[in-house]
Amino acid sequence: MPTHLPAFVATVWLLTMLPGAGQAVMVRQTLAGGHRRARATIAGNATGLLVWSTAAATGLSAVLMTNPDIYEVLRTVGGCVLVVLGVTTLRAARKAACTDTPSAEAERPRRWRAAFLSGLGTALGNPKAGVFAISVLPQFVTPDGPVLLSSLALGALWTAINVSWYLLFTWVVGRGGTFFSRPAVRRGLSIGTGVVLVLLGVGVAAGV
């Protein structure tokens, strides 16, 4: 069984709450499509974290992260994903498209898939998630116990904490109600979020 579980939970909560690409993407999706798209993004992000934690439990992520070529490709792709999301957000803000709400039923599945993929891409393309999976997560596993099961359990807990935080975070953003529904406010937030995503993407791609 995992040891020092309270310390692990506290560590994950603190790291999850730190501002970063994940929160920026959540804000973008919540402002663009409300709680439905936010939940889709959260689901995509959770899937990505489960992939990382499973890879760490089986030793695959260690191989990927220690291979310079694969690591560089992963980092570059992750940075490009964030830059594309940032540019898309800025373009939407410029056109005031972020004030629109999805109304066509036929568009909803496509929008849900796009939001899911944005969350998945952000999680998989974030090298910090891989570093956490192979460097932090194993510190809380009892070496003389069922290592694989303990690692998978910690990965599931890591994912559950992320989901809980982002559900709360997007709920707070969505509860902005009248304030966040103002076109000027939404446009300003979209511009700010877009700039943050672009800067984060450039930083990730550059290895900063």
N, C-alpha and C. Protein backbone atom coordinates (compact mmCIF):
# COMPACT_ATOMS: atom_id res chain seq x y z
N MET A 1 0.84 -1.20 0.00
CA MET A 1 0.00 0.00 0.00
C MET A 1 0.88 1.24 0.00
N PRO A 2 0.42 2.36 -0.58
CA PRO A 2 1.19 3.58 -0.58
C PRO A 2 1.44 4.07 0.84
N THR A 3 2.61 4.62 1.08
CA THR A 3 2.93 5.19 2.38
C THR A 3 2.83 6.69 2.31
N HIS A 4 2.73 7.31 3.51
CA HIS A 4 2.67 8.77 3.59
C HIS A 4 1.55 9.31 2.71
N LEU A 5 0.39 8.69 2.76
CA LEU A 5 -0.72 9.11 1.91
C LEU A 5 -1.14 10.56 2.14
N PRO A 6 -1.24 11.02 3.41
CA PRO A 6 -1.61 12.43 3.62
C PRO A 6 -0.62 13.40 2.98
N ALA A 7 0.67 13.06 3.06
CA ALA A 7 1.68 13.93 2.44
C ALA A 7 1.53 13.93 0.93
N PHE A 8 1.21 12.78 0.36
CA PHE A 8 1.01 12.70 -1.08
C PHE A 8 -0.18 13.55 -1.51
N VAL A 9 -1.29 13.42 -0.78
CA VAL A 9 -2.48 14.20 -1.11
C VAL A 9 -2.19 15.69 -1.02
N ALA A 10 -1.51 16.11 0.05
CA ALA A 10 -1.18 17.53 0.21
C ALA A 10 -0.28 18.02 -0.91
N THR A 11 0.70 17.20 -1.28
CA THR A 11 1.61 17.58 -2.36
C THR A 11 0.88 17.75 -3.68
N VAL A 12 0.03 16.78 -4.00
CA VAL A 12 -0.71 16.84 -5.26
C VAL A 12 -1.66 18.03 -5.28
N TRP A 13 -2.35 18.27 -4.17
CA TRP A 13 -3.27 19.42 -4.12
C TRP A 13 -2.53 20.72 -4.37
N LEU A 14 -1.39 20.90 -3.71
CA LEU A 14 -0.64 22.14 -3.87
C LEU A 14 -0.14 22.31 -5.29
N LEU A 15 0.40 21.24 -5.87
CA LEU A 15 0.90 21.32 -7.24
C LEU A 15 -0.23 21.55 -8.23
N THR A 16 -1.38 20.93 -7.99
CA THR A 16 -2.52 21.09 -8.89
C THR A 16 -3.05 22.52 -8.87
N MET A 17 -3.01 23.15 -7.71
CA MET A 17 -3.56 24.50 -7.58
C MET A 17 -2.65 25.58 -8.14
N LEU A 18 -1.39 25.23 -8.42
CA LEU A 18 -0.48 26.23 -8.98
C LEU A 18 -0.97 26.67 -10.36
N PRO A 19 -0.94 27.98 -10.64
CA PRO A 19 -1.34 28.45 -11.97
C PRO A 19 -0.45 27.84 -13.05
N GLY A 20 -1.05 27.51 -14.16
CA GLY A 20 -0.30 26.93 -15.26
C GLY A 20 -1.16 26.74 -16.48
N ALA A 21 -0.67 25.92 -17.39
CA ALA A 21 -1.37 25.70 -18.65
C ALA A 21 -2.75 25.08 -18.43
N GLY A 22 -2.84 24.15 -17.48
CA GLY A 22 -4.12 23.49 -17.23
C GLY A 22 -5.21 24.47 -16.85
N GLN A 23 -4.90 25.37 -15.93
CA GLN A 23 -5.90 26.34 -15.50
C GLN A 23 -6.25 27.30 -16.63
N ALA A 24 -5.26 27.69 -17.41
CA ALA A 24 -5.54 28.60 -18.53
C ALA A 24 -6.48 27.95 -19.54
N VAL A 25 -6.24 26.67 -19.82
CA VAL A 25 -7.12 25.96 -20.76
C VAL A 25 -8.52 25.82 -20.18
N MET A 26 -8.62 25.56 -18.89
CA MET A 26 -9.94 25.43 -18.26
C MET A 26 -10.72 26.74 -18.33
N VAL A 27 -10.04 27.85 -18.09
CA VAL A 27 -10.70 29.15 -18.19
C VAL A 27 -11.19 29.38 -19.61
N ARG A 28 -10.34 29.08 -20.57
CA ARG A 28 -10.70 29.28 -21.97
C ARG A 28 -11.96 28.49 -22.33
N GLN A 29 -11.99 27.22 -21.97
CA GLN A 29 -13.12 26.38 -22.34
C GLN A 29 -14.39 26.76 -21.58
N THR A 30 -14.25 27.16 -20.32
CA THR A 30 -15.42 27.56 -19.55
C THR A 30 -16.05 28.82 -20.12
N LEU A 31 -15.22 29.79 -20.48
CA LEU A 31 -15.74 31.03 -21.05
C LEU A 31 -16.32 30.80 -22.43
N ALA A 32 -15.74 29.87 -23.18
CA ALA A 32 -16.20 29.65 -24.55
C ALA A 32 -17.47 28.82 -24.62
N GLY A 33 -17.63 27.85 -23.72
CA GLY A 33 -18.77 26.95 -23.85
C GLY A 33 -19.45 26.56 -22.57
N GLY A 34 -19.10 27.20 -21.46
CA GLY A 34 -19.77 26.89 -20.21
C GLY A 34 -19.30 25.59 -19.58
N HIS A 35 -20.11 25.10 -18.64
CA HIS A 35 -19.70 23.93 -17.85
C HIS A 35 -19.62 22.66 -18.69
N ARG A 36 -20.40 22.56 -19.74
CA ARG A 36 -20.36 21.36 -20.57
C ARG A 36 -18.98 21.18 -21.18
N ARG A 37 -18.45 22.22 -21.79
CA ARG A 37 -17.12 22.13 -22.39
C ARG A 37 -16.05 22.04 -21.32
N ALA A 38 -16.27 22.67 -20.18
CA ALA A 38 -15.30 22.57 -19.09
C ALA A 38 -15.19 21.12 -18.62
N ARG A 39 -16.33 20.45 -18.47
CA ARG A 39 -16.30 19.04 -18.04
C ARG A 39 -15.62 18.16 -19.08
N ALA A 40 -15.84 18.45 -20.35
CA ALA A 40 -15.17 17.68 -21.40
C ALA A 40 -13.66 17.87 -21.34
N THR A 41 -13.24 19.11 -21.09
CA THR A 41 -11.81 19.39 -20.97
C THR A 41 -11.22 18.69 -19.76
N ILE A 42 -11.95 18.70 -18.65
CA ILE A 42 -11.50 18.01 -17.45
C ILE A 42 -11.37 16.51 -17.70
N ALA A 43 -12.32 15.95 -18.43
CA ALA A 43 -12.26 14.52 -18.76
C ALA A 43 -11.04 14.21 -19.62
N GLY A 44 -10.74 15.07 -20.58
CA GLY A 44 -9.56 14.88 -21.40
C GLY A 44 -8.28 14.98 -20.60
N ASN A 45 -8.22 15.97 -19.71
CA ASN A 45 -7.06 16.14 -18.86
C ASN A 45 -6.87 14.93 -17.95
N ALA A 46 -7.97 14.42 -17.39
CA ALA A 46 -7.89 13.25 -16.52
C ALA A 46 -7.39 12.03 -17.29
N THR A 47 -7.85 11.87 -18.52
CA THR A 47 -7.38 10.76 -19.34
C THR A 47 -5.88 10.84 -19.57
N GLY A 48 -5.40 12.04 -19.84
CA GLY A 48 -3.96 12.23 -20.04
C GLY A 48 -3.16 11.89 -18.80
N LEU A 49 -3.65 12.30 -17.63
CA LEU A 49 -2.94 11.99 -16.39
C LEU A 49 -2.94 10.49 -16.12
N LEU A 50 -4.04 9.82 -16.44
CA LEU A 50 -4.08 8.36 -16.27
C LEU A 50 -3.08 7.67 -17.18
N VAL A 51 -2.93 8.20 -18.39
CA VAL A 51 -1.94 7.65 -19.31
C VAL A 51 -0.54 7.81 -18.73
N TRP A 52 -0.24 9.00 -18.22
CA TRP A 52 1.08 9.25 -17.63
C TRP A 52 1.32 8.33 -16.43
N SER A 53 0.34 8.24 -15.53
CA SER A 53 0.54 7.45 -14.32
C SER A 53 0.66 5.96 -14.64
N THR A 54 -0.11 5.50 -15.62
CA THR A 54 0.00 4.09 -16.02
C THR A 54 1.36 3.82 -16.65
N ALA A 55 1.82 4.77 -17.48
CA ALA A 55 3.14 4.62 -18.08
C ALA A 55 4.23 4.61 -17.02
N ALA A 56 4.06 5.43 -15.99
CA ALA A 56 5.04 5.46 -14.90
C ALA A 56 5.03 4.15 -14.13
N ALA A 57 3.84 3.62 -13.88
CA ALA A 57 3.72 2.37 -13.12
C ALA A 57 4.37 1.20 -13.85
N THR A 58 4.30 1.22 -15.17
CA THR A 58 4.87 0.13 -15.96
C THR A 58 6.31 0.39 -16.39
N GLY A 59 6.83 1.57 -16.02
CA GLY A 59 8.21 1.91 -16.37
C GLY A 59 8.38 2.52 -17.73
N LEU A 60 7.30 2.67 -18.49
CA LEU A 60 7.41 3.19 -19.85
C LEU A 60 7.78 4.67 -19.86
N SER A 61 7.22 5.45 -18.93
CA SER A 61 7.49 6.89 -18.95
C SER A 61 8.94 7.19 -18.64
N ALA A 62 9.58 6.36 -17.80
CA ALA A 62 10.99 6.57 -17.50
C ALA A 62 11.84 6.42 -18.76
N VAL A 63 11.49 5.44 -19.59
CA VAL A 63 12.21 5.24 -20.85
C VAL A 63 12.01 6.44 -21.77
N LEU A 64 10.76 6.91 -21.84
CA LEU A 64 10.46 8.05 -22.72
C LEU A 64 11.18 9.31 -22.27
N MET A 65 11.13 9.58 -20.96
CA MET A 65 11.67 10.83 -20.45
C MET A 65 13.20 10.84 -20.44
N THR A 66 13.84 9.66 -20.40
CA THR A 66 15.30 9.62 -20.39
C THR A 66 15.88 9.54 -21.79
N ASN A 67 15.02 9.38 -22.80
CA ASN A 67 15.48 9.40 -24.19
C ASN A 67 15.45 10.84 -24.68
N PRO A 68 16.62 11.45 -24.94
CA PRO A 68 16.66 12.87 -25.31
C PRO A 68 15.80 13.21 -26.52
N ASP A 69 15.85 12.36 -27.54
CA ASP A 69 15.10 12.65 -28.77
C ASP A 69 13.59 12.64 -28.52
N ILE A 70 13.13 11.60 -27.82
CA ILE A 70 11.70 11.50 -27.54
C ILE A 70 11.25 12.64 -26.63
N TYR A 71 12.09 12.96 -25.65
CA TYR A 71 11.74 14.04 -24.73
C TYR A 71 11.62 15.37 -25.47
N GLU A 72 12.56 15.62 -26.40
CA GLU A 72 12.52 16.87 -27.15
C GLU A 72 11.26 16.95 -28.01
N VAL A 73 10.91 15.84 -28.65
CA VAL A 73 9.70 15.82 -29.47
C VAL A 73 8.47 16.08 -28.60
N LEU A 74 8.41 15.40 -27.46
CA LEU A 74 7.28 15.57 -26.55
C LEU A 74 7.16 17.01 -26.08
N ARG A 75 8.29 17.58 -25.71
CA ARG A 75 8.28 18.96 -25.22
C ARG A 75 7.85 19.93 -26.32
N THR A 76 8.36 19.73 -27.53
CA THR A 76 8.02 20.62 -28.63
C THR A 76 6.54 20.52 -28.99
N VAL A 77 6.04 19.29 -29.06
CA VAL A 77 4.62 19.10 -29.37
C VAL A 77 3.75 19.73 -28.30
N GLY A 78 4.12 19.52 -27.04
CA GLY A 78 3.35 20.12 -25.95
C GLY A 78 3.33 21.63 -26.03
N GLY A 79 4.48 22.23 -26.34
CA GLY A 79 4.53 23.68 -26.49
C GLY A 79 3.68 24.16 -27.65
N CYS A 80 3.73 23.43 -28.75
CA CYS A 80 2.93 23.82 -29.93
C CYS A 80 1.44 23.75 -29.65
N VAL A 81 1.02 22.72 -28.90
CA VAL A 81 -0.39 22.60 -28.54
C VAL A 81 -0.85 23.82 -27.76
N LEU A 82 -0.05 24.25 -26.80
CA LEU A 82 -0.41 25.41 -25.99
C LEU A 82 -0.43 26.68 -26.82
N VAL A 83 0.54 26.83 -27.72
CA VAL A 83 0.58 28.02 -28.57
C VAL A 83 -0.64 28.07 -29.47
N VAL A 84 -0.99 26.94 -30.06
CA VAL A 84 -2.18 26.90 -30.94
C VAL A 84 -3.44 27.26 -30.16
N LEU A 85 -3.58 26.72 -28.95
CA LEU A 85 -4.73 27.06 -28.12
C LEU A 85 -4.74 28.55 -27.80
N GLY A 86 -3.56 29.10 -27.51
CA GLY A 86 -3.47 30.52 -27.20
C GLY A 86 -3.84 31.39 -28.38
N VAL A 87 -3.32 31.06 -29.55
CA VAL A 87 -3.62 31.85 -30.75
C VAL A 87 -5.11 31.75 -31.08
N THR A 88 -5.67 30.56 -30.95
CA THR A 88 -7.10 30.39 -31.20
C THR A 88 -7.93 31.24 -30.26
N THR A 89 -7.52 31.29 -29.00
CA THR A 89 -8.23 32.10 -28.01
C THR A 89 -8.14 33.58 -28.35
N LEU A 90 -6.97 34.03 -28.76
CA LEU A 90 -6.79 35.44 -29.12
C LEU A 90 -7.62 35.80 -30.34
N ARG A 91 -7.67 34.91 -31.32
CA ARG A 91 -8.48 35.18 -32.51
C ARG A 91 -9.96 35.24 -32.16
N ALA A 92 -10.38 34.35 -31.27
CA ALA A 92 -11.78 34.35 -30.86
C ALA A 92 -12.12 35.64 -30.12
N ALA A 93 -11.19 36.10 -29.28
CA ALA A 93 -11.43 37.34 -28.55
C ALA A 93 -11.50 38.53 -29.49
N ARG A 94 -10.66 38.51 -30.50
CA ARG A 94 -10.66 39.62 -31.47
C ARG A 94 -11.98 39.70 -32.22
N LYS A 95 -12.55 38.55 -32.50
CA LYS A 95 -13.82 38.53 -33.23
C LYS A 95 -15.03 38.57 -32.30
N ALA A 96 -14.74 38.67 -30.99
CA ALA A 96 -15.81 38.66 -29.98
C ALA A 96 -16.61 37.37 -30.03
N ALA A 97 -15.96 36.31 -30.54
CA ALA A 97 -16.65 35.02 -30.65
C ALA A 97 -16.85 34.36 -29.30
N CYS A 98 -16.04 34.77 -28.33
CA CYS A 98 -16.15 34.11 -27.03
C CYS A 98 -17.42 34.48 -26.30
N THR A 99 -18.19 35.44 -26.82
CA THR A 99 -19.46 35.79 -26.19
C THR A 99 -20.58 34.90 -26.67
N ASP A 100 -20.31 34.13 -27.71
CA ASP A 100 -21.35 33.26 -28.24
C ASP A 100 -21.49 32.02 -27.38
N THR A 101 -22.69 31.48 -27.32
CA THR A 101 -22.92 30.23 -26.61
C THR A 101 -23.40 29.19 -27.59
N PRO A 102 -22.94 27.96 -27.47
CA PRO A 102 -23.34 26.92 -28.41
C PRO A 102 -24.84 26.65 -28.30
N SER A 103 -25.54 26.73 -29.44
CA SER A 103 -26.98 26.52 -29.42
C SER A 103 -27.41 25.37 -30.32
N ALA A 104 -26.66 25.11 -31.35
CA ALA A 104 -27.05 24.06 -32.29
C ALA A 104 -26.73 22.70 -31.71
N GLU A 105 -27.74 21.84 -31.68
CA GLU A 105 -27.54 20.50 -31.12
C GLU A 105 -26.50 19.73 -31.90
N ALA A 106 -26.45 19.93 -33.22
CA ALA A 106 -25.50 19.19 -34.05
C ALA A 106 -24.07 19.57 -33.75
N GLU A 107 -23.89 20.80 -33.22
CA GLU A 107 -22.54 21.26 -32.95
C GLU A 107 -22.01 20.72 -31.62
N ARG A 108 -22.88 20.31 -30.72
CA ARG A 108 -22.45 19.97 -29.37
C ARG A 108 -21.48 18.80 -29.31
N PRO A 109 -21.74 17.68 -30.01
CA PRO A 109 -20.77 16.58 -29.97
C PRO A 109 -19.39 17.00 -30.47
N ARG A 110 -19.38 17.79 -31.55
CA ARG A 110 -18.09 18.23 -32.08
C ARG A 110 -17.36 19.13 -31.10
N ARG A 111 -18.10 20.04 -30.47
CA ARG A 111 -17.49 20.93 -29.49
C ARG A 111 -16.99 20.14 -28.29
N TRP A 112 -17.77 19.13 -27.87
CA TRP A 112 -17.35 18.31 -26.74
C TRP A 112 -16.06 17.58 -27.06
N ARG A 113 -15.98 17.02 -28.26
CA ARG A 113 -14.77 16.30 -28.66
C ARG A 113 -13.57 17.24 -28.71
N ALA A 114 -13.78 18.44 -29.25
CA ALA A 114 -12.68 19.40 -29.33
C ALA A 114 -12.19 19.79 -27.94
N ALA A 115 -13.13 19.99 -27.02
CA ALA A 115 -12.75 20.33 -25.65
C ALA A 115 -12.02 19.17 -24.98
N PHE A 116 -12.52 17.95 -25.20
CA PHE A 116 -11.87 16.77 -24.63
C PHE A 116 -10.44 16.65 -25.14
N LEU A 117 -10.27 16.83 -26.44
CA LEU A 117 -8.93 16.71 -27.04
C LEU A 117 -8.00 17.81 -26.56
N SER A 118 -8.54 19.00 -26.30
CA SER A 118 -7.68 20.08 -25.80
C SER A 118 -7.17 19.73 -24.41
N GLY A 119 -8.03 19.15 -23.57
CA GLY A 119 -7.58 18.73 -22.25
C GLY A 119 -6.60 17.58 -22.32
N LEU A 120 -6.88 16.61 -23.20
CA LEU A 120 -5.98 15.47 -23.37
C LEU A 120 -4.62 15.92 -23.89
N GLY A 121 -4.63 16.78 -24.90
CA GLY A 121 -3.37 17.26 -25.47
C GLY A 121 -2.56 18.06 -24.48
N THR A 122 -3.24 18.87 -23.67
CA THR A 122 -2.53 19.66 -22.66
C THR A 122 -1.84 18.76 -21.64
N ALA A 123 -2.54 17.71 -21.20
CA ALA A 123 -1.95 16.80 -20.21
C ALA A 123 -0.82 15.97 -20.80
N LEU A 124 -1.05 15.38 -21.97
CA LEU A 124 -0.02 14.54 -22.58
C LEU A 124 1.17 15.34 -23.05
N GLY A 125 0.93 16.58 -23.48
CA GLY A 125 2.01 17.40 -24.00
C GLY A 125 2.74 18.20 -22.95
N ASN A 126 2.42 17.96 -21.68
CA ASN A 126 3.06 18.69 -20.59
C ASN A 126 4.16 17.83 -19.97
N PRO A 127 5.43 18.12 -20.26
CA PRO A 127 6.51 17.31 -19.70
C PRO A 127 6.52 17.30 -18.18
N LYS A 128 5.99 18.36 -17.55
CA LYS A 128 5.97 18.41 -16.09
C LYS A 128 5.11 17.29 -15.52
N ALA A 129 4.07 16.90 -16.25
CA ALA A 129 3.25 15.78 -15.80
C ALA A 129 4.05 14.49 -15.82
N GLY A 130 4.85 14.32 -16.87
CA GLY A 130 5.71 13.15 -16.95
C GLY A 130 6.76 13.13 -15.87
N VAL A 131 7.36 14.31 -15.61
CA VAL A 131 8.37 14.40 -14.55
C VAL A 131 7.75 14.06 -13.20
N PHE A 132 6.54 14.56 -12.95
CA PHE A 132 5.86 14.24 -11.70
C PHE A 132 5.62 12.74 -11.59
N ALA A 133 5.18 12.14 -12.69
CA ALA A 133 4.83 10.72 -12.67
C ALA A 133 6.04 9.83 -12.36
N ILE A 134 7.22 10.21 -12.85
CA ILE A 134 8.38 9.33 -12.67
C ILE A 134 9.28 9.75 -11.51
N SER A 135 9.10 10.98 -10.99
CA SER A 135 10.00 11.43 -9.93
C SER A 135 9.31 11.61 -8.58
N VAL A 136 8.09 12.12 -8.59
CA VAL A 136 7.38 12.38 -7.34
C VAL A 136 6.53 11.19 -6.91
N LEU A 137 5.75 10.67 -7.83
CA LEU A 137 4.83 9.59 -7.50
C LEU A 137 5.53 8.37 -6.88
N PRO A 138 6.68 7.92 -7.42
CA PRO A 138 7.32 6.73 -6.84
C PRO A 138 7.81 6.94 -5.41
N GLN A 139 8.01 8.19 -4.99
CA GLN A 139 8.50 8.44 -3.65
C GLN A 139 7.51 7.99 -2.57
N PHE A 140 6.25 7.82 -2.96
CA PHE A 140 5.21 7.48 -2.00
C PHE A 140 4.77 6.02 -2.12
N VAL A 141 5.55 5.22 -2.81
CA VAL A 141 5.23 3.80 -2.98
C VAL A 141 6.13 2.96 -2.07
N THR A 142 5.53 2.01 -1.35
CA THR A 142 6.30 1.11 -0.50
C THR A 142 7.04 0.09 -1.37
N PRO A 143 8.37 0.09 -1.35
CA PRO A 143 9.13 -0.78 -2.25
C PRO A 143 8.92 -2.27 -2.00
N ASP A 144 8.60 -2.65 -0.75
CA ASP A 144 8.44 -4.08 -0.46
C ASP A 144 6.98 -4.53 -0.57
N GLY A 145 6.12 -3.67 -1.10
CA GLY A 145 4.72 -4.03 -1.28
C GLY A 145 4.40 -4.26 -2.74
N PRO A 146 3.12 -4.33 -3.07
CA PRO A 146 2.70 -4.47 -4.48
C PRO A 146 2.93 -3.17 -5.23
N VAL A 147 4.13 -3.02 -5.77
CA VAL A 147 4.54 -1.75 -6.37
C VAL A 147 3.61 -1.33 -7.51
N LEU A 148 3.29 -2.26 -8.40
CA LEU A 148 2.46 -1.90 -9.55
C LEU A 148 1.08 -1.41 -9.11
N LEU A 149 0.44 -2.17 -8.21
CA LEU A 149 -0.89 -1.79 -7.74
C LEU A 149 -0.85 -0.47 -6.97
N SER A 150 0.19 -0.30 -6.15
CA SER A 150 0.31 0.94 -5.39
C SER A 150 0.51 2.13 -6.32
N SER A 151 1.33 1.94 -7.35
CA SER A 151 1.58 3.02 -8.31
C SER A 151 0.30 3.38 -9.06
N LEU A 152 -0.45 2.37 -9.47
CA LEU A 152 -1.71 2.63 -10.18
C LEU A 152 -2.71 3.33 -9.27
N ALA A 153 -2.74 2.92 -7.99
CA ALA A 153 -3.66 3.55 -7.04
C ALA A 153 -3.30 5.02 -6.83
N LEU A 154 -2.01 5.30 -6.70
CA LEU A 154 -1.58 6.69 -6.54
C LEU A 154 -1.88 7.50 -7.79
N GLY A 155 -1.72 6.88 -8.95
CA GLY A 155 -2.04 7.57 -10.20
C GLY A 155 -3.52 7.91 -10.28
N ALA A 156 -4.36 6.98 -9.84
CA ALA A 156 -5.80 7.24 -9.84
C ALA A 156 -6.14 8.34 -8.85
N LEU A 157 -5.46 8.35 -7.70
CA LEU A 157 -5.71 9.40 -6.70
C LEU A 157 -5.24 10.76 -7.23
N TRP A 158 -4.09 10.78 -7.88
CA TRP A 158 -3.58 12.00 -8.52
C TRP A 158 -4.61 12.55 -9.50
N THR A 159 -5.15 11.67 -10.31
CA THR A 159 -6.16 12.09 -11.29
C THR A 159 -7.42 12.59 -10.61
N ALA A 160 -7.87 11.88 -9.57
CA ALA A 160 -9.09 12.28 -8.86
C ALA A 160 -8.94 13.65 -8.22
N ILE A 161 -7.78 13.93 -7.67
CA ILE A 161 -7.54 15.24 -7.06
C ILE A 161 -7.57 16.33 -8.12
N ASN A 162 -6.95 16.06 -9.27
CA ASN A 162 -6.98 17.03 -10.37
C ASN A 162 -8.40 17.30 -10.83
N VAL A 163 -9.18 16.24 -10.97
CA VAL A 163 -10.57 16.40 -11.40
C VAL A 163 -11.36 17.22 -10.38
N SER A 164 -11.17 16.92 -9.10
CA SER A 164 -11.88 17.65 -8.04
C SER A 164 -11.54 19.13 -8.07
N TRP A 165 -10.26 19.43 -8.21
CA TRP A 165 -9.85 20.83 -8.22
C TRP A 165 -10.40 21.57 -9.43
N TYR A 166 -10.30 20.96 -10.60
CA TYR A 166 -10.76 21.65 -11.80
C TYR A 166 -12.28 21.77 -11.85
N LEU A 167 -13.00 20.82 -11.27
CA LEU A 167 -14.45 20.97 -11.17
C LEU A 167 -14.79 22.18 -10.30
N LEU A 168 -14.09 22.33 -9.19
CA LEU A 168 -14.30 23.48 -8.32
C LEU A 168 -13.88 24.77 -9.01
N PHE A 169 -12.72 24.73 -9.66
CA PHE A 169 -12.18 25.92 -10.31
C PHE A 169 -13.10 26.42 -11.42
N THR A 170 -13.55 25.50 -12.28
CA THR A 170 -14.42 25.92 -13.38
C THR A 170 -15.81 26.32 -12.87
N TRP A 171 -16.24 25.73 -11.77
CA TRP A 171 -17.51 26.14 -11.17
C TRP A 171 -17.43 27.58 -10.69
N VAL A 172 -16.32 27.93 -10.05
CA VAL A 172 -16.13 29.31 -9.58
C VAL A 172 -16.11 30.27 -10.77
N VAL A 173 -15.39 29.90 -11.83
CA VAL A 173 -15.34 30.75 -13.02
C VAL A 173 -16.74 30.89 -13.61
N GLY A 174 -17.45 29.78 -13.71
CA GLY A 174 -18.80 29.82 -14.26
C GLY A 174 -19.78 30.59 -13.41
N ARG A 175 -19.56 30.59 -12.08
CA ARG A 175 -20.45 31.29 -11.17
C ARG A 175 -20.24 32.79 -11.22
N GLY A 176 -19.26 33.22 -12.01
CA GLY A 176 -19.07 34.66 -12.17
C GLY A 176 -20.31 35.34 -12.69
N GLY A 177 -21.15 34.53 -13.35
CA GLY A 177 -22.46 35.00 -13.77
C GLY A 177 -22.42 36.30 -14.54
N THR A 178 -23.06 37.31 -13.99
CA THR A 178 -23.21 38.60 -14.66
C THR A 178 -21.87 39.23 -14.98
N PHE A 179 -20.93 39.11 -14.04
CA PHE A 179 -19.63 39.75 -14.26
C PHE A 179 -18.93 39.15 -15.47
N PHE A 180 -18.84 37.81 -15.52
CA PHE A 180 -18.14 37.17 -16.62
C PHE A 180 -18.93 37.18 -17.91
N SER A 181 -20.23 37.48 -17.82
CA SER A 181 -21.04 37.52 -19.04
C SER A 181 -20.91 38.84 -19.78
N ARG A 182 -20.29 39.82 -19.15
CA ARG A 182 -20.09 41.10 -19.82
C ARG A 182 -19.10 40.92 -20.97
N PRO A 183 -19.45 41.38 -22.16
CA PRO A 183 -18.57 41.20 -23.32
C PRO A 183 -17.16 41.72 -23.09
N ALA A 184 -17.04 42.90 -22.48
CA ALA A 184 -15.71 43.47 -22.26
C ALA A 184 -14.88 42.61 -21.32
N VAL A 185 -15.53 42.09 -20.27
CA VAL A 185 -14.82 41.25 -19.31
C VAL A 185 -14.40 39.94 -19.95
N ARG A 186 -15.32 39.30 -20.66
CA ARG A 186 -15.01 38.03 -21.32
C ARG A 186 -13.91 38.20 -22.36
N ARG A 187 -13.97 39.31 -23.08
CA ARG A 187 -12.95 39.56 -24.10
C ARG A 187 -11.59 39.78 -23.42
N GLY A 188 -11.59 40.54 -22.33
CA GLY A 188 -10.34 40.78 -21.62
C GLY A 188 -9.75 39.50 -21.05
N LEU A 189 -10.61 38.66 -20.46
CA LEU A 189 -10.13 37.39 -19.92
C LEU A 189 -9.62 36.48 -21.02
N SER A 190 -10.31 36.48 -22.15
CA SER A 190 -9.87 35.65 -23.27
C SER A 190 -8.51 36.10 -23.80
N ILE A 191 -8.33 37.41 -23.89
CA ILE A 191 -7.05 37.94 -24.34
C ILE A 191 -5.95 37.56 -23.35
N GLY A 192 -6.23 37.76 -22.05
CA GLY A 192 -5.24 37.40 -21.04
C GLY A 192 -4.91 35.93 -21.05
N THR A 193 -5.94 35.09 -21.17
CA THR A 193 -5.73 33.65 -21.21
C THR A 193 -4.94 33.25 -22.45
N GLY A 194 -5.27 33.86 -23.59
CA GLY A 194 -4.55 33.56 -24.82
C GLY A 194 -3.08 33.90 -24.73
N VAL A 195 -2.79 35.06 -24.17
CA VAL A 195 -1.39 35.48 -24.01
C VAL A 195 -0.65 34.52 -23.09
N VAL A 196 -1.30 34.13 -21.98
CA VAL A 196 -0.67 33.20 -21.04
C VAL A 196 -0.38 31.86 -21.71
N LEU A 197 -1.34 31.36 -22.49
CA LEU A 197 -1.14 30.08 -23.17
C LEU A 197 0.01 30.15 -24.17
N VAL A 198 0.09 31.24 -24.92
CA VAL A 198 1.18 31.39 -25.89
C VAL A 198 2.52 31.44 -25.17
N LEU A 199 2.61 32.23 -24.10
CA LEU A 199 3.86 32.33 -23.36
C LEU A 199 4.25 31.00 -22.72
N LEU A 200 3.27 30.30 -22.16
CA LEU A 200 3.55 28.99 -21.58
C LEU A 200 4.01 28.00 -22.65
N GLY A 201 3.36 28.06 -23.81
CA GLY A 201 3.75 27.17 -24.90
C GLY A 201 5.16 27.42 -25.38
N VAL A 202 5.51 28.69 -25.53
CA VAL A 202 6.87 29.03 -25.94
C VAL A 202 7.87 28.57 -24.88
N GLY A 203 7.51 28.76 -23.60
CA GLY A 203 8.39 28.34 -22.52
C GLY A 203 8.60 26.84 -22.50
N VAL A 204 7.51 26.08 -22.68
CA VAL A 204 7.62 24.62 -22.69
C VAL A 204 8.47 24.15 -23.86
N ALA A 205 8.21 24.71 -25.04
CA ALA A 205 8.96 24.31 -26.23
C ALA A 205 10.44 24.66 -26.11
N ALA A 206 10.73 25.77 -25.41
CA ALA A 206 12.12 26.21 -25.25
C ALA A 206 12.80 25.54 -24.07
N GLY A 207 12.04 24.78 -23.30
CA GLY A 207 12.62 24.09 -22.16
C GLY A 207 12.84 24.98 -20.96
N VAL A 208 12.10 26.09 -20.88
CA VAL A 208 12.25 27.02 -19.76
C VAL A 208 11.48 26.49 -18.56
